[in-house]
Amino acid sequence: MDINFSIRVVDEDGEGISGASVAVHYDWTHDHGYTDEGGWVEFEKDVMMGDGVSVTVYVDGEEEGKVWAEDGDTFSFTKTYDDDE
């Protein structure tokens, strides 16, 4: 069964960040994408058993945490930038 889920990366004001690098790591594999102009990136994963998958999320190389993703889920992560960036 395939599941599709989306991740949105926003700034401190809640605005989507375009071009953020998002990597998702599953138990045995990983996937990668870049956010669109609204801050969204979509992933599709074949799930062998059950109806979801444990995912570790990385934004611009920094671990943001683990989520349990099921079909149609959306997740949002806030990316803060230093003034020097």
C-alpha atoms as a PDB file:
ATOM      1  CA  MET A   1       0.000   0.000   0.000  1.00  0.00           C
ATOM      2  CA  ASP A   2       1.295   3.457  -0.859  1.00  0.00           C
ATOM      3  CA  ILE A   3       0.858   6.378   1.512  1.00  0.00           C
ATOM      4  CA  ASN A   4       1.310  10.039   0.651  1.00  0.00           C
ATOM      5  CA  PHE A   5       2.149  12.680   3.210  1.00  0.00           C
ATOM      6  CA  SER A   6       3.248  16.313   3.085  1.00  0.00           C
ATOM      7  CA  ILE A   7       5.649  18.432   5.067  1.00  0.00           C
ATOM      8  CA  ARG A   8       5.557  22.216   5.227  1.00  0.00           C
ATOM      9  CA  VAL A   9       8.493  24.336   6.344  1.00  0.00           C
ATOM     10  CA  VAL A  10       7.598  27.794   7.631  1.00  0.00           C
ATOM     11  CA  ASP A  11       9.471  30.755   9.058  1.00  0.00           C
ATOM     12  CA  GLU A  12       8.830  32.289  12.476  1.00  0.00           C
ATOM     13  CA  ASP A  13       5.915  34.292  11.012  1.00  0.00           C
ATOM     14  CA  GLY A  14       4.234  31.158   9.641  1.00  0.00           C
ATOM     15  CA  GLU A  15       5.115  31.922   6.024  1.00  0.00           C
ATOM     16  CA  GLY A  16       6.184  29.015   3.803  1.00  0.00           C
ATOM     17  CA  ILE A  17       9.887  28.781   2.988  1.00  0.00           C
ATOM     18  CA  SER A  18      10.674  27.990  -0.637  1.00  0.00           C
ATOM     19  CA  GLY A  19      13.662  25.784  -1.516  1.00  0.00           C
ATOM     20  CA  ALA A  20      14.233  24.241   1.920  1.00  0.00           C
ATOM     21  CA  SER A  21      15.922  20.829   1.753  1.00  0.00           C
ATOM     22  CA  VAL A  22      13.777  18.164   3.435  1.00  0.00           C
ATOM     23  CA  ALA A  23      15.024  14.613   4.008  1.00  0.00           C
ATOM     24  CA  VAL A  24      12.907  11.848   5.488  1.00  0.00           C
ATOM     25  CA  HIS A  25      14.515   8.717   6.916  1.00  0.00           C
ATOM     26  CA  TYR A  26      12.577   5.497   7.350  1.00  0.00           C
ATOM     27  CA  ASP A  27      13.902   2.339   9.003  1.00  0.00           C
ATOM     28  CA  TRP A  28      15.600   0.993   5.858  1.00  0.00           C
ATOM     29  CA  THR A  29      15.670   3.830   3.342  1.00  0.00           C
ATOM     30  CA  HIS A  30      15.310   7.569   2.901  1.00  0.00           C
ATOM     31  CA  ASP A  31      13.885  10.180   0.531  1.00  0.00           C
ATOM     32  CA  HIS A  32      14.647  13.817  -0.170  1.00  0.00           C
ATOM     33  CA  GLY A  33      12.934  16.832  -1.696  1.00  0.00           C
ATOM     34  CA  TYR A  34      12.791  20.628  -1.772  1.00  0.00           C
ATOM     35  CA  THR A  35       9.874  22.777  -0.684  1.00  0.00           C
ATOM     36  CA  ASP A  36       7.832  24.601  -3.308  1.00  0.00           C
ATOM     37  CA  GLU A  37       6.943  28.310  -3.251  1.00  0.00           C
ATOM     38  CA  GLY A  38       4.372  27.673  -0.488  1.00  0.00           C
ATOM     39  CA  GLY A  39       6.835  25.749   1.671  1.00  0.00           C
ATOM     40  CA  TRP A  40       5.382  22.292   0.873  1.00  0.00           C
ATOM     41  CA  VAL A  41       7.050  19.041  -0.190  1.00  0.00           C
ATOM     42  CA  GLU A  42       5.226  15.747  -0.737  1.00  0.00           C
ATOM     43  CA  PHE A  43       6.462  12.211  -0.188  1.00  0.00           C
ATOM     44  CA  GLU A  44       5.134   8.813  -1.235  1.00  0.00           C
ATOM     45  CA  LYS A  45       6.120   5.642   0.580  1.00  0.00           C
ATOM     46  CA  ASP A  46       5.226   2.010  -0.023  1.00  0.00           C
ATOM     47  CA  VAL A  47       4.171   0.536   3.326  1.00  0.00           C
ATOM     48  CA  MET A  48       4.476  -3.229   3.573  1.00  0.00           C
ATOM     49  CA  MET A  49       2.610  -3.716   6.859  1.00  0.00           C
ATOM     50  CA  GLY A  50       0.124  -1.520   8.663  1.00  0.00           C
ATOM     51  CA  ASP A  51      -1.174   1.838   7.518  1.00  0.00           C
ATOM     52  CA  GLY A  52       1.719   4.155   8.361  1.00  0.00           C
ATOM     53  CA  VAL A  53       5.428   4.541   8.869  1.00  0.00           C
ATOM     54  CA  SER A  54       7.824   6.085  11.384  1.00  0.00           C
ATOM     55  CA  VAL A  55       9.726   8.960   9.796  1.00  0.00           C
ATOM     56  CA  THR A  56      12.678  11.022  11.047  1.00  0.00           C
ATOM     57  CA  VAL A  57      12.525  14.475   9.445  1.00  0.00           C
ATOM     58  CA  TYR A  58      15.520  16.660   8.604  1.00  0.00           C
ATOM     59  CA  VAL A  59      15.261  20.257   7.381  1.00  0.00           C
ATOM     60  CA  ASP A  60      18.395  21.754   5.835  1.00  0.00           C
ATOM     61  CA  GLY A  61      20.414  18.945   7.423  1.00  0.00           C
ATOM     62  CA  GLU A  62      19.113  19.447  10.965  1.00  0.00           C
ATOM     63  CA  GLU A  63      17.008  16.752  12.638  1.00  0.00           C
ATOM     64  CA  GLU A  64      13.544  18.045  13.484  1.00  0.00           C
ATOM     65  CA  GLY A  65      12.223  14.889  15.126  1.00  0.00           C
ATOM     66  CA  LYS A  66      10.176  11.762  14.468  1.00  0.00           C
ATOM     67  CA  VAL A  67       6.598  11.566  13.251  1.00  0.00           C
ATOM     68  CA  TRP A  68       4.203   8.751  12.465  1.00  0.00           C
ATOM     69  CA  ALA A  69       2.963   9.299   8.905  1.00  0.00           C
ATOM     70  CA  GLU A  70      -0.264   7.855   7.533  1.00  0.00           C
ATOM     71  CA  ASP A  71      -1.884   8.492   4.169  1.00  0.00           C
ATOM     72  CA  GLY A  72      -2.945  12.123   3.776  1.00  0.00           C
ATOM     73  CA  ASP A  73      -1.098  13.423   6.849  1.00  0.00           C
ATOM     74  CA  THR A  74       0.504  16.854   6.868  1.00  0.00           C
ATOM     75  CA  PHE A  75       3.264  18.072   9.169  1.00  0.00           C
ATOM     76  CA  SER A  76       4.715  21.536   9.715  1.00  0.00           C
ATOM     77  CA  PHE A  77       8.147  22.512  10.982  1.00  0.00           C
ATOM     78  CA  THR A  78       9.364  26.016  11.788  1.00  0.00           C
ATOM     79  CA  LYS A  79      12.804  26.899  10.476  1.00  0.00           C
ATOM     80  CA  THR A  80      14.560  29.732  12.300  1.00  0.00           C
ATOM     81  CA  TYR A  81      17.420  31.540  10.664  1.00  0.00           C
ATOM     82  CA  ASP A  82      20.180  33.445  12.382  1.00  0.00           C
ATOM     83  CA  ASP A  83      20.564  37.082  11.342  1.00  0.00           C
ATOM     84  CA  ASP A  84      23.865  36.080   9.682  1.00  0.00           C
ATOM     85  CA  GLU A  85      22.137  33.660   7.259  1.00  0.00           C
END
